[in-house]
Amino acid sequence: MTGMFDNLVYWHWWILAIVLLILEIFTPGAFFMWMGAAAGITGLVLLVVPDISWQLQFVLFSITSVITIFAGYKWFRRNPIVSEQPSIGERGDDLIGQTYYVEQAIVNGTGRIKVGDSTWKAMGPDCEKGTQVRVVAVNAAIVSVELV
């Protein structure tokens, strides 16, 4: 009786590599990409030396996965991705230093300010609706303001 892994050939590993690379698209970080590279390398080795047992193929895949993940980690540590817009994912960072008008009076330190076509919860000194305030900090969806 033969096992289900007895008939592994190089293109099985290449399909796994493609699946892992597609999976990388849907996950944060760069982890599955390196495992996909390891699967591709395993398939390449199997193409050159087709008589490798499935057990040795899995060992090769495991070892190359560890090596590629570690090498990728070291590469990204030495070559960090620098963004032209470092705060693009930080929703409120661009509000800091800007002035806005109070939409709902700040009473007991809490109110709302008008930002574009929306309002943000604001914390700061008590003031009436229409007062101009400056954003000094953003914590999640709450802005800290001061009087202008």
C-alpha atoms as a PDB file:
ATOM      1  CA  MET A   1       0.000   0.000   0.000  1.00  0.00           C
ATOM      2  CA  THR A   2       1.452   3.335  -1.018  1.00  0.00           C
ATOM      3  CA  GLY A   3       1.139   6.540   1.009  1.00  0.00           C
ATOM      4  CA  MET A   4      -0.400   9.716  -0.304  1.00  0.00           C
ATOM      5  CA  PHE A   5       2.993  11.448  -0.399  1.00  0.00           C
ATOM      6  CA  ASP A   6       4.784   8.717  -2.377  1.00  0.00           C
ATOM      7  CA  ASN A   7       3.954  10.378  -5.706  1.00  0.00           C
ATOM      8  CA  LEU A   8       5.111  13.923  -4.972  1.00  0.00           C
ATOM      9  CA  VAL A   9       6.754  15.569  -7.954  1.00  0.00           C
ATOM     10  CA  TYR A  10       8.324  18.998  -8.474  1.00  0.00           C
ATOM     11  CA  TRP A  11       5.156  20.696  -9.712  1.00  0.00           C
ATOM     12  CA  HIS A  12       3.330  19.821  -6.479  1.00  0.00           C
ATOM     13  CA  TRP A  13       5.866  21.954  -4.647  1.00  0.00           C
ATOM     14  CA  TRP A  14       5.498  24.743  -7.196  1.00  0.00           C
ATOM     15  CA  ILE A  15       1.719  24.737  -6.736  1.00  0.00           C
ATOM     16  CA  LEU A  16       2.287  24.941  -2.966  1.00  0.00           C
ATOM     17  CA  ALA A  17       4.667  27.859  -3.606  1.00  0.00           C
ATOM     18  CA  ILE A  18       2.001  29.690  -5.608  1.00  0.00           C
ATOM     19  CA  VAL A  19      -0.648  29.018  -2.943  1.00  0.00           C
ATOM     20  CA  LEU A  20       1.676  30.349  -0.231  1.00  0.00           C
ATOM     21  CA  LEU A  21       2.474  33.454  -2.288  1.00  0.00           C
ATOM     22  CA  ILE A  22      -1.239  34.092  -2.817  1.00  0.00           C
ATOM     23  CA  LEU A  23      -1.800  33.592   0.916  1.00  0.00           C
ATOM     24  CA  GLU A  24       0.876  36.239   1.527  1.00  0.00           C
ATOM     25  CA  ILE A  25      -1.301  38.778  -0.273  1.00  0.00           C
ATOM     26  CA  PHE A  26      -4.059  38.327   2.292  1.00  0.00           C
ATOM     27  CA  THR A  27      -1.917  38.356   5.434  1.00  0.00           C
ATOM     28  CA  PRO A  28       0.155  41.098   7.044  1.00  0.00           C
ATOM     29  CA  GLY A  29       3.905  40.838   7.229  1.00  0.00           C
ATOM     30  CA  ALA A  30       6.181  38.799   5.024  1.00  0.00           C
ATOM     31  CA  PHE A  31       6.038  35.246   6.316  1.00  0.00           C
ATOM     32  CA  PHE A  32       4.274  33.039   3.765  1.00  0.00           C
ATOM     33  CA  MET A  33       6.336  34.609   0.975  1.00  0.00           C
ATOM     34  CA  TRP A  34       9.473  33.013   2.384  1.00  0.00           C
ATOM     35  CA  MET A  35       7.774  29.648   2.835  1.00  0.00           C
ATOM     36  CA  GLY A  36       6.613  29.942  -0.785  1.00  0.00           C
ATOM     37  CA  ALA A  37      10.227  30.514  -1.803  1.00  0.00           C
ATOM     38  CA  ALA A  38      11.209  27.411   0.181  1.00  0.00           C
ATOM     39  CA  ALA A  39       8.531  25.357  -1.590  1.00  0.00           C
ATOM     40  CA  GLY A  40       9.796  26.661  -4.940  1.00  0.00           C
ATOM     41  CA  ILE A  41      13.372  25.722  -4.035  1.00  0.00           C
ATOM     42  CA  THR A  42      12.223  22.264  -2.939  1.00  0.00           C
ATOM     43  CA  GLY A  43      10.448  21.825  -6.279  1.00  0.00           C
ATOM     44  CA  LEU A  44      13.562  22.963  -8.142  1.00  0.00           C
ATOM     45  CA  VAL A  45      15.737  20.468  -6.254  1.00  0.00           C
ATOM     46  CA  LEU A  46      13.194  17.736  -6.986  1.00  0.00           C
ATOM     47  CA  LEU A  47      13.225  18.657 -10.681  1.00  0.00           C
ATOM     48  CA  VAL A  48      17.006  18.174 -10.758  1.00  0.00           C
ATOM     49  CA  VAL A  49      17.038  15.095  -8.489  1.00  0.00           C
ATOM     50  CA  PRO A  50      13.641  13.400  -8.946  1.00  0.00           C
ATOM     51  CA  ASP A  51      14.337  10.303  -6.804  1.00  0.00           C
ATOM     52  CA  ILE A  52      14.243  12.077  -3.430  1.00  0.00           C
ATOM     53  CA  SER A  53      11.912  10.392  -0.935  1.00  0.00           C
ATOM     54  CA  TRP A  54       8.926  12.374   0.313  1.00  0.00           C
ATOM     55  CA  GLN A  55      10.376  12.365   3.828  1.00  0.00           C
ATOM     56  CA  LEU A  56      13.570  13.993   2.598  1.00  0.00           C
ATOM     57  CA  GLN A  57      11.488  16.466   0.566  1.00  0.00           C
ATOM     58  CA  PHE A  58       9.683  17.575   3.739  1.00  0.00           C
ATOM     59  CA  VAL A  59      12.976  17.870   5.597  1.00  0.00           C
ATOM     60  CA  LEU A  60      14.373  19.956   2.728  1.00  0.00           C
ATOM     61  CA  PHE A  61      11.262  22.142   2.728  1.00  0.00           C
ATOM     62  CA  SER A  62      11.470  22.600   6.514  1.00  0.00           C
ATOM     63  CA  ILE A  63      15.133  23.534   6.450  1.00  0.00           C
ATOM     64  CA  THR A  64      14.780  25.910   3.500  1.00  0.00           C
ATOM     65  CA  SER A  65      11.711  27.480   5.155  1.00  0.00           C
ATOM     66  CA  VAL A  66      13.713  28.274   8.277  1.00  0.00           C
ATOM     67  CA  ILE A  67      16.629  29.582   6.205  1.00  0.00           C
ATOM     68  CA  THR A  68      14.472  31.776   3.933  1.00  0.00           C
ATOM     69  CA  ILE A  69      12.398  33.159   6.819  1.00  0.00           C
ATOM     70  CA  PHE A  70      15.544  34.008   8.775  1.00  0.00           C
ATOM     71  CA  ALA A  71      17.232  35.499   5.696  1.00  0.00           C
ATOM     72  CA  GLY A  72      14.107  37.559   4.934  1.00  0.00           C
ATOM     73  CA  TYR A  73      13.973  38.785   8.513  1.00  0.00           C
ATOM     74  CA  LYS A  74      17.637  39.825   8.396  1.00  0.00           C
ATOM     75  CA  TRP A  75      17.160  41.490   4.991  1.00  0.00           C
ATOM     76  CA  PHE A  76      14.178  43.564   6.183  1.00  0.00           C
ATOM     77  CA  ARG A  77      16.086  44.546   9.338  1.00  0.00           C
ATOM     78  CA  ARG A  78      18.921  45.913   7.192  1.00  0.00           C
ATOM     79  CA  ASN A  79      16.630  47.352   4.492  1.00  0.00           C
ATOM     80  CA  PRO A  80      13.468  48.656   6.148  1.00  0.00           C
ATOM     81  CA  ILE A  81      10.634  49.785   3.927  1.00  0.00           C
ATOM     82  CA  VAL A  82      10.537  53.579   4.012  1.00  0.00           C
ATOM     83  CA  SER A  83       7.219  55.167   3.132  1.00  0.00           C
ATOM     84  CA  GLU A  84       6.759  58.569   1.540  1.00  0.00           C
ATOM     85  CA  GLN A  85       3.640  58.884   3.711  1.00  0.00           C
ATOM     86  CA  PRO A  86       4.604  57.240   7.016  1.00  0.00           C
ATOM     87  CA  SER A  87       1.357  58.177   8.748  1.00  0.00           C
ATOM     88  CA  ILE A  88      -0.988  57.050   5.979  1.00  0.00           C
ATOM     89  CA  GLY A  89      -2.367  54.241   8.152  1.00  0.00           C
ATOM     90  CA  GLU A  90      -2.571  56.480  11.204  1.00  0.00           C
ATOM     91  CA  ARG A  91      -5.967  58.028  10.719  1.00  0.00           C
ATOM     92  CA  GLY A  92      -5.694  61.066  12.958  1.00  0.00           C
ATOM     93  CA  ASP A  93      -2.013  61.998  12.851  1.00  0.00           C
ATOM     94  CA  ASP A  94      -2.575  64.527  10.086  1.00  0.00           C
ATOM     95  CA  LEU A  95      -5.027  66.389  12.357  1.00  0.00           C
ATOM     96  CA  ILE A  96      -2.337  67.356  14.865  1.00  0.00           C
ATOM     97  CA  GLY A  97      -1.568  71.077  14.694  1.00  0.00           C
ATOM     98  CA  GLN A  98      -4.672  71.859  12.627  1.00  0.00           C
ATOM     99  CA  THR A  99      -7.403  74.185  13.856  1.00  0.00           C
ATOM    100  CA  TYR A 100     -11.092  73.281  13.835  1.00  0.00           C
ATOM    101  CA  TYR A 101     -14.356  74.540  15.281  1.00  0.00           C
ATOM    102  CA  VAL A 102     -16.209  73.007  18.185  1.00  0.00           C
ATOM    103  CA  GLU A 103     -19.364  71.312  16.889  1.00  0.00           C
ATOM    104  CA  GLN A 104     -20.757  70.257  20.267  1.00  0.00           C
ATOM    105  CA  ALA A 105     -19.752  72.325  23.303  1.00  0.00           C
ATOM    106  CA  ILE A 106     -16.918  70.870  25.343  1.00  0.00           C
ATOM    107  CA  VAL A 107     -18.378  70.390  28.816  1.00  0.00           C
ATOM    108  CA  ASN A 108     -16.492  68.712  31.661  1.00  0.00           C
ATOM    109  CA  GLY A 109     -13.608  68.140  29.238  1.00  0.00           C
ATOM    110  CA  THR A 110     -15.598  66.308  26.531  1.00  0.00           C
ATOM    111  CA  GLY A 111     -17.299  67.469  23.326  1.00  0.00           C
ATOM    112  CA  ARG A 112     -17.049  67.182  19.536  1.00  0.00           C
ATOM    113  CA  ILE A 113     -15.184  69.084  16.839  1.00  0.00           C
ATOM    114  CA  LYS A 114     -16.054  69.366  13.145  1.00  0.00           C
ATOM    115  CA  VAL A 115     -13.416  67.846  10.838  1.00  0.00           C
ATOM    116  CA  GLY A 116     -14.429  68.030   7.196  1.00  0.00           C
ATOM    117  CA  ASP A 117     -17.808  66.358   6.855  1.00  0.00           C
ATOM    118  CA  SER A 118     -17.499  64.377  10.101  1.00  0.00           C
ATOM    119  CA  THR A 119     -17.137  65.047  13.801  1.00  0.00           C
ATOM    120  CA  TRP A 120     -14.561  63.727  16.233  1.00  0.00           C
ATOM    121  CA  LYS A 121     -14.834  63.291  19.971  1.00  0.00           C
ATOM    122  CA  ALA A 122     -12.704  65.977  21.582  1.00  0.00           C
ATOM    123  CA  MET A 123     -11.194  66.337  25.025  1.00  0.00           C
ATOM    124  CA  GLY A 124      -9.962  69.676  26.268  1.00  0.00           C
ATOM    125  CA  PRO A 125     -10.867  72.844  28.122  1.00  0.00           C
ATOM    126  CA  ASP A 126     -14.577  73.664  28.388  1.00  0.00           C
ATOM    127  CA  CYS A 127     -15.782  75.952  25.590  1.00  0.00           C
ATOM    128  CA  GLU A 128     -18.898  76.813  23.584  1.00  0.00           C
ATOM    129  CA  LYS A 129     -19.971  75.594  20.146  1.00  0.00           C
ATOM    130  CA  GLY A 130     -18.177  77.540  17.405  1.00  0.00           C
ATOM    131  CA  THR A 131     -14.986  78.102  19.424  1.00  0.00           C
ATOM    132  CA  GLN A 132     -11.804  77.588  17.418  1.00  0.00           C
ATOM    133  CA  VAL A 133      -9.483  74.910  18.841  1.00  0.00           C
ATOM    134  CA  ARG A 134      -6.173  73.327  17.817  1.00  0.00           C
ATOM    135  CA  VAL A 135      -5.612  69.554  17.888  1.00  0.00           C
ATOM    136  CA  VAL A 136      -2.591  68.724  20.046  1.00  0.00           C
ATOM    137  CA  ALA A 137      -2.836  64.921  20.176  1.00  0.00           C
ATOM    138  CA  VAL A 138      -4.826  61.995  18.809  1.00  0.00           C
ATOM    139  CA  ASN A 139      -5.515  58.816  20.758  1.00  0.00           C
ATOM    140  CA  ALA A 140      -7.538  56.339  18.689  1.00  0.00           C
ATOM    141  CA  ALA A 141     -10.648  58.313  17.630  1.00  0.00           C
ATOM    142  CA  ILE A 142     -10.390  60.952  20.383  1.00  0.00           C
ATOM    143  CA  VAL A 143      -8.578  64.229  19.799  1.00  0.00           C
ATOM    144  CA  SER A 144      -7.089  66.385  22.504  1.00  0.00           C
ATOM    145  CA  VAL A 145      -7.536  70.093  21.825  1.00  0.00           C
ATOM    146  CA  GLU A 146      -6.467  73.442  23.184  1.00  0.00           C
ATOM    147  CA  LEU A 147      -8.020  76.869  22.741  1.00  0.00           C
ATOM    148  CA  VAL A 148      -6.573  78.949  19.909  1.00  0.00           C
END
